[in-house]
Amino acid sequence: MSRRPQLDALEPGVPPAAQTLPGEHDVCNEHLPSRLVHQMNIRAATAADAMELTALAHRAKASWGYPADWIAAWRNDLTMTADYLTSRRAFVAEHGGRPAGVVVFEEHPDHWSVEHLWIDPDLQRRGIGRLLVRHGLAAATRDRAARVHVLSDPHAEPFYLRMGAVRIGAEPAPMPGAPERVLPVLEFRLEA
């Protein structure tokens, strides 16, 4: 059994489960090459990204098999305008000059929140989401945020739990044919 090296040289304050060491595979990606993640460029989102990132969000949400009428109902929730992107902490992972994923964090008086995390369906489960969330958690830690909340899609909850978030509740989110549907409320607890 291999031991995980010390994490103190990485991002201070970011939960250990959210850390990925150089050359290390994400636990859900052991069969995939890690070099894709190392070829990613993380940058701040710009106003010019709005249309492409909105399309990416729609493709990613649809990849979970939701009915078309649900995707249509979520159209506004999945839309990222130029003003929205430039007024929040939004980060894009680029591969080959194209967006492979996006994460948007919002600052609140007593915490931050993950508002969007979308990965191109053709590139999912390769560590890009972990890379983006880790990048945002590091920014939150630098700004002395103690907590980051996530109102998670039920399909994404295991990802966030593997990264070190804890479930702190649930919010009702009924949809046609699924009146009991709920969204997990999760929290990352960051070290100061």
C-alpha atoms as a PDB file:
ATOM      1  CA  MET A   1       0.000   0.000   0.000  1.00  0.00           C
ATOM      2  CA  SER A   2       1.460   3.367  -0.974  1.00  0.00           C
ATOM      3  CA  ARG A   3       1.371   6.249   1.435  1.00  0.00           C
ATOM      4  CA  ARG A   4       0.206   9.692   0.373  1.00  0.00           C
ATOM      5  CA  PRO A   5       2.983  12.313   0.749  1.00  0.00           C
ATOM      6  CA  GLN A   6       2.647  15.293   3.062  1.00  0.00           C
ATOM      7  CA  LEU A   7       0.247  17.948   1.775  1.00  0.00           C
ATOM      8  CA  ASP A   8       1.729  20.941   3.566  1.00  0.00           C
ATOM      9  CA  ALA A   9       3.542  22.043   0.396  1.00  0.00           C
ATOM     10  CA  LEU A  10       0.275  22.331  -1.524  1.00  0.00           C
ATOM     11  CA  GLU A  11      -2.692  24.652  -0.986  1.00  0.00           C
ATOM     12  CA  PRO A  12      -2.947  25.664   2.673  1.00  0.00           C
ATOM     13  CA  GLY A  13      -6.488  25.593   4.010  1.00  0.00           C
ATOM     14  CA  VAL A  14      -7.886  23.433   1.216  1.00  0.00           C
ATOM     15  CA  PRO A  15      -9.323  20.176   2.583  1.00  0.00           C
ATOM     16  CA  PRO A  16      -6.810  17.334   2.108  1.00  0.00           C
ATOM     17  CA  ALA A  17      -9.276  15.292   0.037  1.00  0.00           C
ATOM     18  CA  ALA A  18      -9.477  18.165  -2.451  1.00  0.00           C
ATOM     19  CA  GLN A  19      -5.728  18.108  -3.016  1.00  0.00           C
ATOM     20  CA  THR A  20      -4.241  16.332  -5.995  1.00  0.00           C
ATOM     21  CA  LEU A  21      -0.530  15.818  -5.868  1.00  0.00           C
ATOM     22  CA  PRO A  22       1.609  16.189  -8.990  1.00  0.00           C
ATOM     23  CA  GLY A  23       1.385  12.980 -11.013  1.00  0.00           C
ATOM     24  CA  GLU A  24      -1.390  11.597  -8.832  1.00  0.00           C
ATOM     25  CA  HIS A  25      -4.584  10.260 -10.381  1.00  0.00           C
ATOM     26  CA  ASP A  26      -8.012  11.203  -9.080  1.00  0.00           C
ATOM     27  CA  VAL A  27      -9.433   8.158  -7.263  1.00  0.00           C
ATOM     28  CA  CYS A  28     -12.236   7.856  -9.813  1.00  0.00           C
ATOM     29  CA  ASN A  29      -9.832   8.160 -12.757  1.00  0.00           C
ATOM     30  CA  GLU A  30      -7.189   5.563 -12.144  1.00  0.00           C
ATOM     31  CA  HIS A  31      -7.769   4.083 -15.604  1.00  0.00           C
ATOM     32  CA  LEU A  32      -7.375   7.446 -17.372  1.00  0.00           C
ATOM     33  CA  PRO A  33      -4.183   9.332 -18.173  1.00  0.00           C
ATOM     34  CA  SER A  34      -3.447  12.124 -15.731  1.00  0.00           C
ATOM     35  CA  ARG A  35      -1.560  14.171 -18.317  1.00  0.00           C
ATOM     36  CA  LEU A  36      -4.825  15.739 -19.540  1.00  0.00           C
ATOM     37  CA  VAL A  37      -5.191  17.566 -16.218  1.00  0.00           C
ATOM     38  CA  HIS A  38      -1.563  18.691 -16.401  1.00  0.00           C
ATOM     39  CA  GLN A  39      -2.257  20.174 -19.853  1.00  0.00           C
ATOM     40  CA  MET A  40      -5.076  22.365 -18.528  1.00  0.00           C
ATOM     41  CA  ASN A  41      -4.777  26.121 -18.359  1.00  0.00           C
ATOM     42  CA  ILE A  42      -6.894  27.660 -15.580  1.00  0.00           C
ATOM     43  CA  ARG A  43      -7.848  31.280 -16.153  1.00  0.00           C
ATOM     44  CA  ALA A  44     -10.460  33.787 -15.031  1.00  0.00           C
ATOM     45  CA  ALA A  45     -13.635  33.701 -17.100  1.00  0.00           C
ATOM     46  CA  THR A  46     -14.305  36.772 -19.233  1.00  0.00           C
ATOM     47  CA  ALA A  47     -17.461  38.372 -20.619  1.00  0.00           C
ATOM     48  CA  ALA A  48     -16.586  36.882 -24.023  1.00  0.00           C
ATOM     49  CA  ASP A  49     -16.948  33.354 -22.560  1.00  0.00           C
ATOM     50  CA  ALA A  50     -20.641  33.703 -21.663  1.00  0.00           C
ATOM     51  CA  MET A  51     -22.229  31.993 -24.681  1.00  0.00           C
ATOM     52  CA  GLU A  52     -19.733  29.138 -24.855  1.00  0.00           C
ATOM     53  CA  LEU A  53     -19.888  28.443 -21.101  1.00  0.00           C
ATOM     54  CA  THR A  54     -23.691  28.534 -21.129  1.00  0.00           C
ATOM     55  CA  ALA A  55     -23.720  25.976 -23.961  1.00  0.00           C
ATOM     56  CA  LEU A  56     -21.220  23.867 -21.991  1.00  0.00           C
ATOM     57  CA  ALA A  57     -23.480  23.987 -18.906  1.00  0.00           C
ATOM     58  CA  HIS A  58     -26.476  22.833 -20.944  1.00  0.00           C
ATOM     59  CA  ARG A  59     -24.516  19.934 -22.510  1.00  0.00           C
ATOM     60  CA  ALA A  60     -23.109  18.863 -19.145  1.00  0.00           C
ATOM     61  CA  LYS A  61     -26.507  18.944 -17.389  1.00  0.00           C
ATOM     62  CA  ALA A  62     -28.121  16.997 -20.246  1.00  0.00           C
ATOM     63  CA  SER A  63     -25.359  14.366 -20.059  1.00  0.00           C
ATOM     64  CA  TRP A  64     -26.884  13.152 -16.776  1.00  0.00           C
ATOM     65  CA  GLY A  65     -29.938  11.916 -18.669  1.00  0.00           C
ATOM     66  CA  TYR A  66     -32.466  14.473 -17.476  1.00  0.00           C
ATOM     67  CA  PRO A  67     -35.647  14.812 -19.564  1.00  0.00           C
ATOM     68  CA  ALA A  68     -35.670  17.595 -22.154  1.00  0.00           C
ATOM     69  CA  ASP A  69     -38.510  19.400 -20.362  1.00  0.00           C
ATOM     70  CA  TRP A  70     -36.402  19.580 -17.180  1.00  0.00           C
ATOM     71  CA  ILE A  71     -33.419  20.985 -19.107  1.00  0.00           C
ATOM     72  CA  ALA A  72     -35.757  23.572 -20.649  1.00  0.00           C
ATOM     73  CA  ALA A  73     -37.078  24.478 -17.188  1.00  0.00           C
ATOM     74  CA  TRP A  74     -33.500  25.027 -15.994  1.00  0.00           C
ATOM     75  CA  ARG A  75     -32.562  27.223 -18.973  1.00  0.00           C
ATOM     76  CA  ASN A  76     -32.217  30.416 -16.904  1.00  0.00           C
ATOM     77  CA  ASP A  77     -30.368  28.606 -14.106  1.00  0.00           C
ATOM     78  CA  LEU A  78     -27.838  27.268 -16.624  1.00  0.00           C
ATOM     79  CA  THR A  79     -27.284  30.622 -18.322  1.00  0.00           C
ATOM     80  CA  MET A  80     -24.137  32.585 -17.526  1.00  0.00           C
ATOM     81  CA  THR A  81     -24.252  36.143 -18.802  1.00  0.00           C
ATOM     82  CA  ALA A  82     -21.237  38.383 -19.348  1.00  0.00           C
ATOM     83  CA  ASP A  83     -22.161  40.451 -16.270  1.00  0.00           C
ATOM     84  CA  TYR A  84     -22.668  37.305 -14.182  1.00  0.00           C
ATOM     85  CA  LEU A  85     -19.238  35.908 -15.056  1.00  0.00           C
ATOM     86  CA  THR A  86     -17.354  39.146 -14.476  1.00  0.00           C
ATOM     87  CA  SER A  87     -19.012  39.896 -11.132  1.00  0.00           C
ATOM     88  CA  ARG A  88     -18.076  36.566  -9.529  1.00  0.00           C
ATOM     89  CA  ARG A  89     -15.045  34.333  -9.099  1.00  0.00           C
ATOM     90  CA  ALA A  90     -15.381  32.346 -12.313  1.00  0.00           C
ATOM     91  CA  PHE A  91     -12.588  30.105 -13.569  1.00  0.00           C
ATOM     92  CA  VAL A  92     -12.280  28.264 -16.873  1.00  0.00           C
ATOM     93  CA  ALA A  93     -10.185  25.167 -17.531  1.00  0.00           C
ATOM     94  CA  GLU A  94      -8.935  25.267 -21.104  1.00  0.00           C
ATOM     95  CA  HIS A  95      -7.606  22.384 -23.138  1.00  0.00           C
ATOM     96  CA  GLY A  96      -6.405  22.969 -26.670  1.00  0.00           C
ATOM     97  CA  GLY A  97      -7.610  26.570 -26.524  1.00  0.00           C
ATOM     98  CA  ARG A  98     -11.228  25.570 -25.772  1.00  0.00           C
ATOM     99  CA  PRO A  99     -13.144  25.559 -22.481  1.00  0.00           C
ATOM    100  CA  ALA A 100     -13.144  22.074 -20.955  1.00  0.00           C
ATOM    101  CA  GLY A 101     -14.883  23.173 -17.766  1.00  0.00           C
ATOM    102  CA  VAL A 102     -16.022  26.097 -15.660  1.00  0.00           C
ATOM    103  CA  VAL A 103     -16.546  26.765 -11.969  1.00  0.00           C
ATOM    104  CA  VAL A 104     -18.225  29.852 -10.529  1.00  0.00           C
ATOM    105  CA  PHE A 105     -17.878  30.840  -6.877  1.00  0.00           C
ATOM    106  CA  GLU A 106     -19.948  33.572  -5.265  1.00  0.00           C
ATOM    107  CA  GLU A 107     -18.858  35.534  -2.212  1.00  0.00           C
ATOM    108  CA  HIS A 108     -21.369  36.054   0.617  1.00  0.00           C
ATOM    109  CA  PRO A 109     -20.807  37.934   3.901  1.00  0.00           C
ATOM    110  CA  ASP A 110     -20.259  34.765   5.959  1.00  0.00           C
ATOM    111  CA  HIS A 111     -19.271  32.152   3.337  1.00  0.00           C
ATOM    112  CA  TRP A 112     -18.616  31.483  -0.337  1.00  0.00           C
ATOM    113  CA  SER A 113     -20.704  29.189  -2.543  1.00  0.00           C
ATOM    114  CA  VAL A 114     -20.143  27.093  -5.646  1.00  0.00           C
ATOM    115  CA  GLU A 115     -22.813  28.281  -8.079  1.00  0.00           C
ATOM    116  CA  HIS A 116     -21.736  26.366 -11.187  1.00  0.00           C
ATOM    117  CA  LEU A 117     -19.407  23.487 -11.956  1.00  0.00           C
ATOM    118  CA  TRP A 118     -19.670  22.108 -15.470  1.00  0.00           C
ATOM    119  CA  ILE A 119     -17.279  19.872 -17.383  1.00  0.00           C
ATOM    120  CA  ASP A 120     -17.512  19.079 -21.083  1.00  0.00           C
ATOM    121  CA  PRO A 121     -19.245  15.670 -21.249  1.00  0.00           C
ATOM    122  CA  ASP A 122     -16.447  14.281 -23.459  1.00  0.00           C
ATOM    123  CA  LEU A 123     -13.881  15.187 -20.778  1.00  0.00           C
ATOM    124  CA  GLN A 124     -15.714  14.239 -17.585  1.00  0.00           C
ATOM    125  CA  ARG A 125     -14.144  11.943 -14.968  1.00  0.00           C
ATOM    126  CA  ARG A 126     -10.605  13.019 -15.824  1.00  0.00           C
ATOM    127  CA  GLY A 127      -9.881  15.283 -12.848  1.00  0.00           C
ATOM    128  CA  ILE A 128     -10.892  18.611 -14.416  1.00  0.00           C
ATOM    129  CA  GLY A 129     -13.686  19.212 -11.900  1.00  0.00           C
ATOM    130  CA  ARG A 130     -11.325  18.463  -9.013  1.00  0.00           C
ATOM    131  CA  LEU A 131      -8.765  20.870 -10.491  1.00  0.00           C
ATOM    132  CA  LEU A 132     -11.335  23.671 -10.845  1.00  0.00           C
ATOM    133  CA  VAL A 133     -12.846  23.209  -7.390  1.00  0.00           C
ATOM    134  CA  ARG A 134      -9.398  23.045  -5.819  1.00  0.00           C
ATOM    135  CA  HIS A 135      -8.477  26.285  -7.608  1.00  0.00           C
ATOM    136  CA  GLY A 136     -11.593  28.015  -6.267  1.00  0.00           C
ATOM    137  CA  LEU A 137     -11.163  26.648  -2.744  1.00  0.00           C
ATOM    138  CA  ALA A 138      -7.603  27.990  -2.732  1.00  0.00           C
ATOM    139  CA  ALA A 139      -8.937  31.434  -3.732  1.00  0.00           C
ATOM    140  CA  ALA A 140     -11.545  31.245  -0.956  1.00  0.00           C
ATOM    141  CA  THR A 141      -8.861  30.295   1.553  1.00  0.00           C
ATOM    142  CA  ARG A 142      -6.630  33.197   0.453  1.00  0.00           C
ATOM    143  CA  ASP A 143      -9.604  35.530   1.005  1.00  0.00           C
ATOM    144  CA  ARG A 144     -10.115  33.998   4.471  1.00  0.00           C
ATOM    145  CA  ALA A 145     -13.451  32.344   3.753  1.00  0.00           C
ATOM    146  CA  ALA A 146     -14.050  29.680   6.413  1.00  0.00           C
ATOM    147  CA  ARG A 147     -16.828  27.845   4.565  1.00  0.00           C
ATOM    148  CA  VAL A 148     -17.903  27.158   0.992  1.00  0.00           C
ATOM    149  CA  HIS A 149     -21.465  25.953   0.426  1.00  0.00           C
ATOM    150  CA  VAL A 150     -22.685  23.839  -2.475  1.00  0.00           C
ATOM    151  CA  LEU A 151     -26.312  23.306  -3.473  1.00  0.00           C
ATOM    152  CA  SER A 152     -25.489  20.154  -5.397  1.00  0.00           C
ATOM    153  CA  ASP A 153     -27.190  18.265  -8.153  1.00  0.00           C
ATOM    154  CA  PRO A 154     -27.892  14.787  -6.746  1.00  0.00           C
ATOM    155  CA  HIS A 155     -25.593  13.273  -9.412  1.00  0.00           C
ATOM    156  CA  ALA A 156     -22.678  15.478  -8.277  1.00  0.00           C
ATOM    157  CA  GLU A 157     -22.943  14.848  -4.532  1.00  0.00           C
ATOM    158  CA  PRO A 158     -20.500  11.877  -4.483  1.00  0.00           C
ATOM    159  CA  PHE A 159     -17.884  14.018  -6.263  1.00  0.00           C
ATOM    160  CA  TYR A 160     -18.094  16.768  -3.643  1.00  0.00           C
ATOM    161  CA  LEU A 161     -18.080  14.271  -0.763  1.00  0.00           C
ATOM    162  CA  ARG A 162     -14.908  12.646  -2.168  1.00  0.00           C
ATOM    163  CA  MET A 163     -13.333  16.111  -2.216  1.00  0.00           C
ATOM    164  CA  GLY A 164     -13.997  16.607   1.481  1.00  0.00           C
ATOM    165  CA  ALA A 165     -17.347  18.404   1.606  1.00  0.00           C
ATOM    166  CA  VAL A 166     -19.882  17.287   4.207  1.00  0.00           C
ATOM    167  CA  ARG A 167     -23.634  17.145   3.803  1.00  0.00           C
ATOM    168  CA  ILE A 168     -25.365  19.711   6.026  1.00  0.00           C
ATOM    169  CA  GLY A 169     -28.919  19.455   4.700  1.00  0.00           C
ATOM    170  CA  ALA A 170     -31.186  19.208   1.676  1.00  0.00           C
ATOM    171  CA  GLU A 171     -33.507  21.553  -0.196  1.00  0.00           C
ATOM    172  CA  PRO A 172     -36.732  20.469  -1.890  1.00  0.00           C
ATOM    173  CA  ALA A 173     -36.419  20.650  -5.681  1.00  0.00           C
ATOM    174  CA  PRO A 174     -39.520  18.956  -7.117  1.00  0.00           C
ATOM    175  CA  MET A 175     -39.731  18.423 -10.859  1.00  0.00           C
ATOM    176  CA  PRO A 176     -42.486  16.932 -13.062  1.00  0.00           C
ATOM    177  CA  GLY A 177     -42.661  13.240 -12.229  1.00  0.00           C
ATOM    178  CA  ALA A 178     -40.292  13.629  -9.246  1.00  0.00           C
ATOM    179  CA  PRO A 179     -42.221  15.504  -6.526  1.00  0.00           C
ATOM    180  CA  GLU A 180     -39.896  14.239  -3.758  1.00  0.00           C
ATOM    181  CA  ARG A 181     -36.676  15.333  -5.489  1.00  0.00           C
ATOM    182  CA  VAL A 182     -34.218  17.159  -3.204  1.00  0.00           C
ATOM    183  CA  LEU A 183     -30.857  18.840  -3.708  1.00  0.00           C
ATOM    184  CA  PRO A 184     -28.080  18.047  -1.232  1.00  0.00           C
ATOM    185  CA  VAL A 185     -26.658  21.040   0.647  1.00  0.00           C
ATOM    186  CA  LEU A 186     -22.945  20.520   1.215  1.00  0.00           C
ATOM    187  CA  GLU A 187     -20.162  22.466   2.882  1.00  0.00           C
ATOM    188  CA  PHE A 188     -16.412  22.633   2.593  1.00  0.00           C
ATOM    189  CA  ARG A 189     -14.837  23.731   5.886  1.00  0.00           C
ATOM    190  CA  LEU A 190     -11.637  25.582   5.143  1.00  0.00           C
ATOM    191  CA  GLU A 191      -8.721  26.140   7.459  1.00  0.00           C
ATOM    192  CA  ALA A 192      -7.694  29.715   8.143  1.00  0.00           C
END
